[in-house]
């Protein structure tokens, strides 16, 4: 996809490492932000969909989270699904 938009090449190992680290960082640090919006952009050539928004400790779930959400974002999931 990156090359399709005239971006530079990045090997698959680097992409996977940064992808995994991004999930880990989000799960560790989401509480430091005033607003967090999690989107699903996994569908090629389709617009992203908003999964959840948290602003000032108010959560809004827009679409059901993907099956992997709770496994990859455990701390965030605890906040979202605690009710």
N, C-alpha and C. Protein backbone atom coordinates (compact mmCIF):
# COMPACT_ATOMS: atom_id res chain seq x y z
N UNK A 1 0.84 -1.18 0.00
CA UNK A 1 0.00 0.00 0.00
C UNK A 1 0.88 1.25 0.00
N UNK A 2 1.95 1.25 0.76
CA UNK A 2 2.83 2.42 0.85
C UNK A 2 3.38 2.79 -0.52
N UNK A 3 3.85 1.80 -1.28
CA UNK A 3 4.41 2.07 -2.60
C UNK A 3 3.35 2.59 -3.55
N UNK A 4 2.12 2.13 -3.37
CA UNK A 4 1.01 2.57 -4.20
C UNK A 4 0.82 4.08 -4.12
N UNK A 5 1.15 4.66 -2.96
CA UNK A 5 1.01 6.10 -2.75
C UNK A 5 2.37 6.81 -2.84
N UNK A 6 3.30 6.19 -3.56
CA UNK A 6 4.62 6.78 -3.84
C UNK A 6 5.51 6.88 -2.60
N UNK A 7 5.26 6.03 -1.63
CA UNK A 7 6.11 6.00 -0.45
C UNK A 7 7.33 5.13 -0.69
N UNK A 8 8.26 5.13 0.25
CA UNK A 8 9.46 4.33 0.11
C UNK A 8 9.24 2.91 0.63
N UNK A 9 10.10 2.00 0.24
CA UNK A 9 10.00 0.60 0.64
C UNK A 9 10.37 0.44 2.11
N UNK A 10 9.59 -0.38 2.82
CA UNK A 10 9.91 -0.80 4.18
C UNK A 10 9.69 -2.31 4.23
N UNK A 11 10.70 -3.02 4.70
CA UNK A 11 10.60 -4.48 4.72
C UNK A 11 9.53 -4.94 5.71
N UNK A 12 9.01 -6.14 5.47
CA UNK A 12 7.91 -6.68 6.28
C UNK A 12 8.27 -6.83 7.75
N UNK A 13 9.51 -7.17 8.05
CA UNK A 13 9.92 -7.33 9.45
C UNK A 13 9.79 -5.99 10.20
N UNK A 14 10.24 -4.92 9.58
CA UNK A 14 10.15 -3.60 10.20
C UNK A 14 8.70 -3.17 10.37
N UNK A 15 7.89 -3.42 9.36
CA UNK A 15 6.46 -3.07 9.44
C UNK A 15 5.83 -3.79 10.62
N UNK A 16 6.08 -5.09 10.73
CA UNK A 16 5.47 -5.88 11.82
C UNK A 16 5.95 -5.39 13.19
N UNK A 17 7.25 -5.10 13.31
CA UNK A 17 7.78 -4.61 14.59
C UNK A 17 7.13 -3.29 15.00
N UNK A 18 7.03 -2.37 14.06
CA UNK A 18 6.44 -1.06 14.37
C UNK A 18 4.94 -1.19 14.65
N UNK A 19 4.28 -2.06 13.94
CA UNK A 19 2.84 -2.31 14.13
C UNK A 19 2.60 -2.84 15.54
N UNK A 20 3.37 -3.85 15.94
CA UNK A 20 3.22 -4.42 17.29
C UNK A 20 3.57 -3.39 18.36
N UNK A 21 4.62 -2.62 18.15
CA UNK A 21 5.03 -1.61 19.12
C UNK A 21 3.97 -0.51 19.24
N UNK A 22 3.32 -0.19 18.13
CA UNK A 22 2.25 0.82 18.16
C UNK A 22 1.10 0.39 19.05
N UNK A 23 0.68 -0.87 18.93
CA UNK A 23 -0.37 -1.38 19.81
C UNK A 23 0.07 -1.34 21.27
N UNK A 24 1.31 -1.77 21.53
CA UNK A 24 1.81 -1.79 22.91
C UNK A 24 1.87 -0.38 23.49
N UNK A 25 2.35 0.58 22.69
CA UNK A 25 2.43 1.96 23.17
C UNK A 25 1.05 2.55 23.44
N UNK A 26 0.11 2.29 22.56
CA UNK A 26 -1.25 2.78 22.77
C UNK A 26 -1.82 2.22 24.06
N UNK A 27 -1.63 0.92 24.29
CA UNK A 27 -2.20 0.30 25.49
C UNK A 27 -1.54 0.81 26.77
N UNK A 28 -0.27 1.17 26.69
CA UNK A 28 0.44 1.67 27.88
C UNK A 28 0.16 3.14 28.17
N UNK A 29 -0.09 3.94 27.13
CA UNK A 29 -0.07 5.39 27.32
C UNK A 29 -1.38 6.11 26.99
N UNK A 30 -2.44 5.39 26.67
CA UNK A 30 -3.69 6.07 26.26
C UNK A 30 -4.22 7.00 27.35
N UNK A 31 -3.98 6.70 28.60
CA UNK A 31 -4.53 7.49 29.70
C UNK A 31 -3.88 8.89 29.81
N UNK A 32 -2.76 9.09 29.15
CA UNK A 32 -2.08 10.39 29.20
C UNK A 32 -2.72 11.43 28.27
N UNK A 33 -3.64 11.00 27.43
CA UNK A 33 -4.21 11.89 26.43
C UNK A 33 -5.62 12.34 26.80
N UNK A 34 -5.97 13.55 26.40
CA UNK A 34 -7.31 14.07 26.64
C UNK A 34 -8.33 13.34 25.78
N UNK A 35 -7.90 12.94 24.59
CA UNK A 35 -8.82 12.25 23.69
C UNK A 35 -8.06 11.17 22.92
N UNK A 36 -8.67 10.00 22.84
CA UNK A 36 -8.11 8.89 22.07
C UNK A 36 -9.22 8.36 21.17
N UNK A 37 -8.91 8.21 19.90
CA UNK A 37 -9.84 7.64 18.93
C UNK A 37 -9.15 6.45 18.29
N UNK A 38 -9.78 5.28 18.37
CA UNK A 38 -9.23 4.07 17.77
C UNK A 38 -10.05 3.77 16.52
N UNK A 39 -9.34 3.62 15.40
CA UNK A 39 -10.01 3.36 14.13
C UNK A 39 -9.56 2.02 13.57
N UNK A 40 -10.38 1.47 12.70
CA UNK A 40 -10.05 0.25 11.95
C UNK A 40 -9.82 0.68 10.51
N UNK A 41 -8.58 0.58 10.07
CA UNK A 41 -8.26 0.92 8.68
C UNK A 41 -7.73 -0.31 7.94
N UNK A 42 -8.22 -1.48 8.32
CA UNK A 42 -7.70 -2.73 7.78
C UNK A 42 -8.25 -3.11 6.42
N UNK A 43 -9.28 -2.44 5.97
CA UNK A 43 -9.90 -2.80 4.69
C UNK A 43 -9.30 -1.94 3.58
N UNK A 44 -8.69 -2.61 2.63
CA UNK A 44 -8.05 -1.94 1.51
C UNK A 44 -9.07 -1.19 0.66
N UNK A 45 -8.76 0.04 0.35
CA UNK A 45 -9.58 0.88 -0.53
C UNK A 45 -10.97 1.20 0.02
N UNK A 46 -11.10 1.12 1.34
CA UNK A 46 -12.34 1.53 2.00
C UNK A 46 -11.98 2.54 3.09
N UNK A 47 -12.89 3.45 3.38
CA UNK A 47 -12.58 4.42 4.45
C UNK A 47 -12.48 3.71 5.80
N UNK A 48 -11.73 4.30 6.69
CA UNK A 48 -11.61 3.72 8.03
C UNK A 48 -12.93 3.87 8.77
N UNK A 49 -13.09 3.04 9.80
CA UNK A 49 -14.27 3.17 10.66
C UNK A 49 -13.78 3.41 12.09
N UNK A 50 -14.49 4.26 12.80
CA UNK A 50 -14.13 4.56 14.19
C UNK A 50 -14.68 3.44 15.07
N UNK A 51 -13.81 2.87 15.88
CA UNK A 51 -14.22 1.80 16.80
C UNK A 51 -14.68 2.41 18.12
N UNK A 52 -13.81 3.24 18.70
CA UNK A 52 -14.12 3.82 20.00
C UNK A 52 -13.44 5.18 20.14
N UNK A 53 -14.08 6.04 20.90
CA UNK A 53 -13.52 7.34 21.24
C UNK A 53 -13.63 7.51 22.74
N UNK A 54 -12.54 7.98 23.34
CA UNK A 54 -12.54 8.28 24.77
C UNK A 54 -12.08 9.72 24.92
N UNK A 55 -12.93 10.54 25.53
CA UNK A 55 -12.59 11.94 25.73
C UNK A 55 -13.07 12.34 27.12
N UNK A 56 -12.13 12.87 27.91
CA UNK A 56 -12.45 13.28 29.28
C UNK A 56 -13.14 12.16 30.06
N UNK A 57 -12.61 10.97 29.92
CA UNK A 57 -13.10 9.77 30.61
C UNK A 57 -14.50 9.34 30.18
N UNK A 58 -14.99 9.89 29.08
CA UNK A 58 -16.27 9.46 28.52
C UNK A 58 -15.99 8.62 27.28
N UNK A 59 -16.50 7.42 27.26
CA UNK A 59 -16.25 6.53 26.13
C UNK A 59 -17.48 6.43 25.24
N UNK A 60 -17.22 6.34 23.97
CA UNK A 60 -18.27 6.14 22.99
C UNK A 60 -17.82 5.03 22.07
N UNK A 61 -18.59 3.96 22.01
CA UNK A 61 -18.29 2.85 21.12
C UNK A 61 -19.13 3.03 19.86
N UNK A 62 -18.46 3.13 18.73
CA UNK A 62 -19.14 3.38 17.46
C UNK A 62 -19.45 2.09 16.70
N UNK A 63 -18.50 1.19 16.67
CA UNK A 63 -18.68 -0.10 16.00
C UNK A 63 -18.12 -1.19 16.89
N UNK A 64 -18.63 -2.39 16.79
CA UNK A 64 -18.07 -3.48 17.60
C UNK A 64 -16.58 -3.65 17.31
N UNK A 65 -15.76 -3.75 18.33
CA UNK A 65 -14.32 -3.93 18.10
C UNK A 65 -14.03 -5.24 17.37
N UNK A 66 -12.98 -5.26 16.56
CA UNK A 66 -12.57 -6.50 15.90
C UNK A 66 -12.19 -7.56 16.93
N UNK A 67 -12.16 -8.79 16.51
CA UNK A 67 -11.88 -9.91 17.42
C UNK A 67 -10.53 -9.77 18.13
N UNK A 68 -9.56 -9.16 17.50
CA UNK A 68 -8.23 -9.04 18.08
C UNK A 68 -8.10 -7.89 19.08
N UNK A 69 -9.07 -7.04 19.17
CA UNK A 69 -8.98 -5.80 19.95
C UNK A 69 -8.62 -6.06 21.41
N UNK A 70 -9.37 -6.91 22.08
CA UNK A 70 -9.15 -7.13 23.52
C UNK A 70 -7.81 -7.79 23.80
N UNK A 71 -7.35 -8.62 22.89
CA UNK A 71 -6.06 -9.28 23.10
C UNK A 71 -4.90 -8.30 22.94
N UNK A 72 -4.98 -7.42 21.97
CA UNK A 72 -3.88 -6.49 21.70
C UNK A 72 -3.92 -5.23 22.57
N UNK A 73 -5.11 -4.87 23.02
CA UNK A 73 -5.27 -3.65 23.82
C UNK A 73 -5.97 -3.99 25.13
N UNK A 74 -5.31 -4.76 25.97
CA UNK A 74 -5.92 -5.29 27.19
C UNK A 74 -6.30 -4.19 28.18
N UNK A 75 -5.41 -3.26 28.45
CA UNK A 75 -5.70 -2.21 29.43
C UNK A 75 -6.79 -1.27 28.92
N UNK A 76 -6.72 -0.92 27.66
CA UNK A 76 -7.75 -0.08 27.06
C UNK A 76 -9.10 -0.79 27.07
N UNK A 77 -9.10 -2.09 26.80
CA UNK A 77 -10.34 -2.88 26.82
C UNK A 77 -10.96 -2.91 28.20
N UNK A 78 -10.13 -2.97 29.24
CA UNK A 78 -10.66 -2.97 30.61
C UNK A 78 -11.46 -1.69 30.87
N UNK A 79 -10.97 -0.59 30.38
CA UNK A 79 -11.67 0.70 30.56
C UNK A 79 -12.95 0.72 29.73
N UNK A 80 -12.86 0.29 28.50
CA UNK A 80 -13.99 0.36 27.58
C UNK A 80 -15.13 -0.56 28.00
N UNK A 81 -14.79 -1.77 28.43
CA UNK A 81 -15.81 -2.79 28.70
C UNK A 81 -16.09 -3.02 30.17
N UNK A 82 -15.68 -2.12 31.05
CA UNK A 82 -15.82 -2.38 32.48
C UNK A 82 -17.23 -2.27 33.02
N UNK A 83 -18.15 -1.68 32.30
CA UNK A 83 -19.53 -1.53 32.81
C UNK A 83 -20.32 -2.79 32.72
